[in-house]
Amino acid sequence: MAKKQQARRSKTAPSPENGEQAMIEGILEGSPDAVGVAVIRLDCGCRKMAAVSLSGEPASKVIMYRDNAQSICDQCKDDQGNFRRVVKQFISWKTPEPDQPTMAMILAKVLGS
């Protein structure tokens, strides 16, 4: 199923890593209004994720996690994952994906231009 889901993803968006994919699926399951999950990778290895709605508004709380760790790092505990430490950000879209203009609007609203 993961291969089929990955094959349907937009060619321009990076594919989530294994740990991220499990978190994305859990967030989508708990967020019925979501069309995707914003994924923000930080330079320390922690990640911030949140579901987004069709209007580009949050559809879940922001979740911070770190693969194979009990909690996020001390730096993230201090600065809540400051945007200056972002190394990659993207939206993992739910299938079926919104149309291209809607995806562009959501990307701009959620992640900036």
C-alpha atoms as a PDB file:
ATOM      1  CA  MET A   1       0.000   0.000   0.000  1.00  0.00           C
ATOM      2  CA  ALA A   2       2.831   2.410   0.812  1.00  0.00           C
ATOM      3  CA  LYS A   3       4.267   1.982  -2.682  1.00  0.00           C
ATOM      4  CA  LYS A   4       0.902   2.750  -4.280  1.00  0.00           C
ATOM      5  CA  GLN A   5       0.447   5.775  -2.040  1.00  0.00           C
ATOM      6  CA  GLN A   6       3.940   7.030  -2.827  1.00  0.00           C
ATOM      7  CA  ALA A   7       3.390   6.532  -6.563  1.00  0.00           C
ATOM      8  CA  ARG A   8       0.355   8.802  -6.382  1.00  0.00           C
ATOM      9  CA  ARG A   9       2.239  11.643  -4.680  1.00  0.00           C
ATOM     10  CA  SER A  10       3.039  14.817  -6.529  1.00  0.00           C
ATOM     11  CA  LYS A  11       6.335  14.553  -8.401  1.00  0.00           C
ATOM     12  CA  THR A  12       7.497  17.930  -7.033  1.00  0.00           C
ATOM     13  CA  ALA A  13       7.092  17.143  -3.315  1.00  0.00           C
ATOM     14  CA  PRO A  14       9.761  15.185  -1.459  1.00  0.00           C
ATOM     15  CA  SER A  15       8.620  11.810  -0.236  1.00  0.00           C
ATOM     16  CA  PRO A  16       8.367  11.339   3.523  1.00  0.00           C
ATOM     17  CA  GLU A  17      10.854   9.172   5.366  1.00  0.00           C
ATOM     18  CA  ASN A  18       9.592   5.987   7.075  1.00  0.00           C
ATOM     19  CA  GLY A  19       9.031   7.505  10.526  1.00  0.00           C
ATOM     20  CA  GLU A  20       7.426  10.561   8.986  1.00  0.00           C
ATOM     21  CA  GLN A  21       5.066   8.437   6.917  1.00  0.00           C
ATOM     22  CA  ALA A  22       3.718   6.678  10.001  1.00  0.00           C
ATOM     23  CA  MET A  23       3.160  10.026  11.726  1.00  0.00           C
ATOM     24  CA  ILE A  24       1.485  11.474   8.618  1.00  0.00           C
ATOM     25  CA  GLU A  25      -0.929   8.560   8.422  1.00  0.00           C
ATOM     26  CA  GLY A  26      -1.784   8.941  12.109  1.00  0.00           C
ATOM     27  CA  ILE A  27      -2.342  12.684  11.776  1.00  0.00           C
ATOM     28  CA  LEU A  28      -4.556  12.217   8.708  1.00  0.00           C
ATOM     29  CA  GLU A  29      -6.561   9.521  10.478  1.00  0.00           C
ATOM     30  CA  GLY A  30      -7.291  11.911  13.339  1.00  0.00           C
ATOM     31  CA  SER A  31      -8.029  14.894  11.085  1.00  0.00           C
ATOM     32  CA  PRO A  32     -11.039  14.220   8.833  1.00  0.00           C
ATOM     33  CA  ASP A  33     -10.930  17.739   7.291  1.00  0.00           C
ATOM     34  CA  ALA A  34      -7.272  17.420   6.264  1.00  0.00           C
ATOM     35  CA  VAL A  35      -6.087  17.388   2.658  1.00  0.00           C
ATOM     36  CA  GLY A  36      -2.451  16.987   3.650  1.00  0.00           C
ATOM     37  CA  VAL A  37       0.148  17.262   6.373  1.00  0.00           C
ATOM     38  CA  ALA A  38       2.769  20.002   6.531  1.00  0.00           C
ATOM     39  CA  VAL A  39       6.162  18.507   7.393  1.00  0.00           C
ATOM     40  CA  ILE A  40       8.960  20.744   8.652  1.00  0.00           C
ATOM     41  CA  ARG A  41      12.365  19.154   9.199  1.00  0.00           C
ATOM     42  CA  LEU A  42      14.746  20.940  11.554  1.00  0.00           C
ATOM     43  CA  ASP A  43      18.551  20.906  11.562  1.00  0.00           C
ATOM     44  CA  CYS A  44      18.591  18.972  14.856  1.00  0.00           C
ATOM     45  CA  GLY A  45      16.614  16.026  13.434  1.00  0.00           C
ATOM     46  CA  CYS A  46      13.311  16.942  15.088  1.00  0.00           C
ATOM     47  CA  ARG A  47      10.201  17.470  12.974  1.00  0.00           C
ATOM     48  CA  LYS A  48       7.098  19.619  13.243  1.00  0.00           C
ATOM     49  CA  MET A  49       3.929  18.366  11.561  1.00  0.00           C
ATOM     50  CA  ALA A  50       0.319  19.492  11.320  1.00  0.00           C
ATOM     51  CA  ALA A  51      -2.661  18.637   9.153  1.00  0.00           C
ATOM     52  CA  VAL A  52      -3.934  21.348   6.811  1.00  0.00           C
ATOM     53  CA  SER A  53      -7.452  21.885   5.484  1.00  0.00           C
ATOM     54  CA  LEU A  54      -8.584  22.712   1.941  1.00  0.00           C
ATOM     55  CA  SER A  55      -8.617  26.404   2.899  1.00  0.00           C
ATOM     56  CA  GLY A  56      -5.001  26.223   4.124  1.00  0.00           C
ATOM     57  CA  GLU A  57      -5.968  26.451   7.786  1.00  0.00           C
ATOM     58  CA  PRO A  58      -4.694  24.080  10.492  1.00  0.00           C
ATOM     59  CA  ALA A  59      -6.748  20.882  10.744  1.00  0.00           C
ATOM     60  CA  SER A  60      -4.822  19.517  13.749  1.00  0.00           C
ATOM     61  CA  LYS A  61      -2.472  20.624  16.490  1.00  0.00           C
ATOM     62  CA  VAL A  62       1.219  20.986  15.672  1.00  0.00           C
ATOM     63  CA  ILE A  63       3.051  17.810  16.614  1.00  0.00           C
ATOM     64  CA  MET A  64       6.795  17.809  17.286  1.00  0.00           C
ATOM     65  CA  TYR A  65       8.699  14.544  17.320  1.00  0.00           C
ATOM     66  CA  ARG A  66      12.089  12.996  16.767  1.00  0.00           C
ATOM     67  CA  ASP A  67      12.631   9.529  15.264  1.00  0.00           C
ATOM     68  CA  ASN A  68      13.692   6.837  17.743  1.00  0.00           C
ATOM     69  CA  ALA A  69      13.635   9.234  20.716  1.00  0.00           C
ATOM     70  CA  GLN A  70      11.511   9.571  23.816  1.00  0.00           C
ATOM     71  CA  SER A  71      11.106  13.312  23.273  1.00  0.00           C
ATOM     72  CA  ILE A  72      12.274  16.228  21.168  1.00  0.00           C
ATOM     73  CA  CYS A  73      15.762  17.667  21.670  1.00  0.00           C
ATOM     74  CA  ASP A  74      16.670  20.258  24.310  1.00  0.00           C
ATOM     75  CA  GLN A  75      17.098  22.967  21.681  1.00  0.00           C
ATOM     76  CA  CYS A  76      13.524  22.429  20.436  1.00  0.00           C
ATOM     77  CA  LYS A  77      12.275  22.409  24.001  1.00  0.00           C
ATOM     78  CA  ASP A  78      13.835  25.864  24.392  1.00  0.00           C
ATOM     79  CA  ASP A  79      12.822  27.474  21.083  1.00  0.00           C
ATOM     80  CA  GLN A  80       9.883  25.278  19.901  1.00  0.00           C
ATOM     81  CA  GLY A  81      11.671  24.527  16.625  1.00  0.00           C
ATOM     82  CA  ASN A  82      12.544  28.045  15.496  1.00  0.00           C
ATOM     83  CA  PHE A  83      11.993  28.671  11.770  1.00  0.00           C
ATOM     84  CA  ARG A  84      15.656  29.667  11.337  1.00  0.00           C
ATOM     85  CA  ARG A  85      16.595  26.028  11.867  1.00  0.00           C
ATOM     86  CA  VAL A  86      14.363  24.633   9.093  1.00  0.00           C
ATOM     87  CA  VAL A  87      16.261  22.490   6.575  1.00  0.00           C
ATOM     88  CA  LYS A  88      13.311  21.207   4.507  1.00  0.00           C
ATOM     89  CA  GLN A  89       9.562  21.739   4.437  1.00  0.00           C
ATOM     90  CA  PHE A  90       6.791  20.296   2.300  1.00  0.00           C
ATOM     91  CA  ILE A  91       3.213  19.095   2.355  1.00  0.00           C
ATOM     92  CA  SER A  92       2.444  15.401   2.056  1.00  0.00           C
ATOM     93  CA  TRP A  93      -0.888  15.388   0.211  1.00  0.00           C
ATOM     94  CA  LYS A  94      -3.766  13.038   0.916  1.00  0.00           C
ATOM     95  CA  THR A  95      -5.069  11.081  -2.076  1.00  0.00           C
ATOM     96  CA  PRO A  96      -6.796  12.376  -4.110  1.00  0.00           C
ATOM     97  CA  GLU A  97      -4.707  15.532  -4.135  1.00  0.00           C
ATOM     98  CA  PRO A  98      -6.378  18.928  -4.575  1.00  0.00           C
ATOM     99  CA  ASP A  99      -6.038  20.598  -7.982  1.00  0.00           C
ATOM    100  CA  GLN A 100      -2.797  22.466  -8.749  1.00  0.00           C
ATOM    101  CA  PRO A 101      -4.093  26.019  -8.057  1.00  0.00           C
ATOM    102  CA  THR A 102      -5.482  24.896  -4.684  1.00  0.00           C
ATOM    103  CA  MET A 103      -2.229  23.121  -3.827  1.00  0.00           C
ATOM    104  CA  ALA A 104      -0.266  26.267  -4.722  1.00  0.00           C
ATOM    105  CA  MET A 105      -2.540  28.438  -2.546  1.00  0.00           C
ATOM    106  CA  ILE A 106      -2.203  26.051   0.414  1.00  0.00           C
ATOM    107  CA  LEU A 107       1.589  25.811   0.019  1.00  0.00           C
ATOM    108  CA  ALA A 108       1.914  29.601  -0.061  1.00  0.00           C
ATOM    109  CA  LYS A 109      -0.393  30.066   2.928  1.00  0.00           C
ATOM    110  CA  VAL A 110       1.120  27.309   5.067  1.00  0.00           C
ATOM    111  CA  LEU A 111       4.805  27.351   4.140  1.00  0.00           C
ATOM    112  CA  GLY A 112       5.236  30.788   2.575  1.00  0.00           C
ATOM    113  CA  SER A 113       6.304  31.613  -0.947  1.00  0.00           C
END
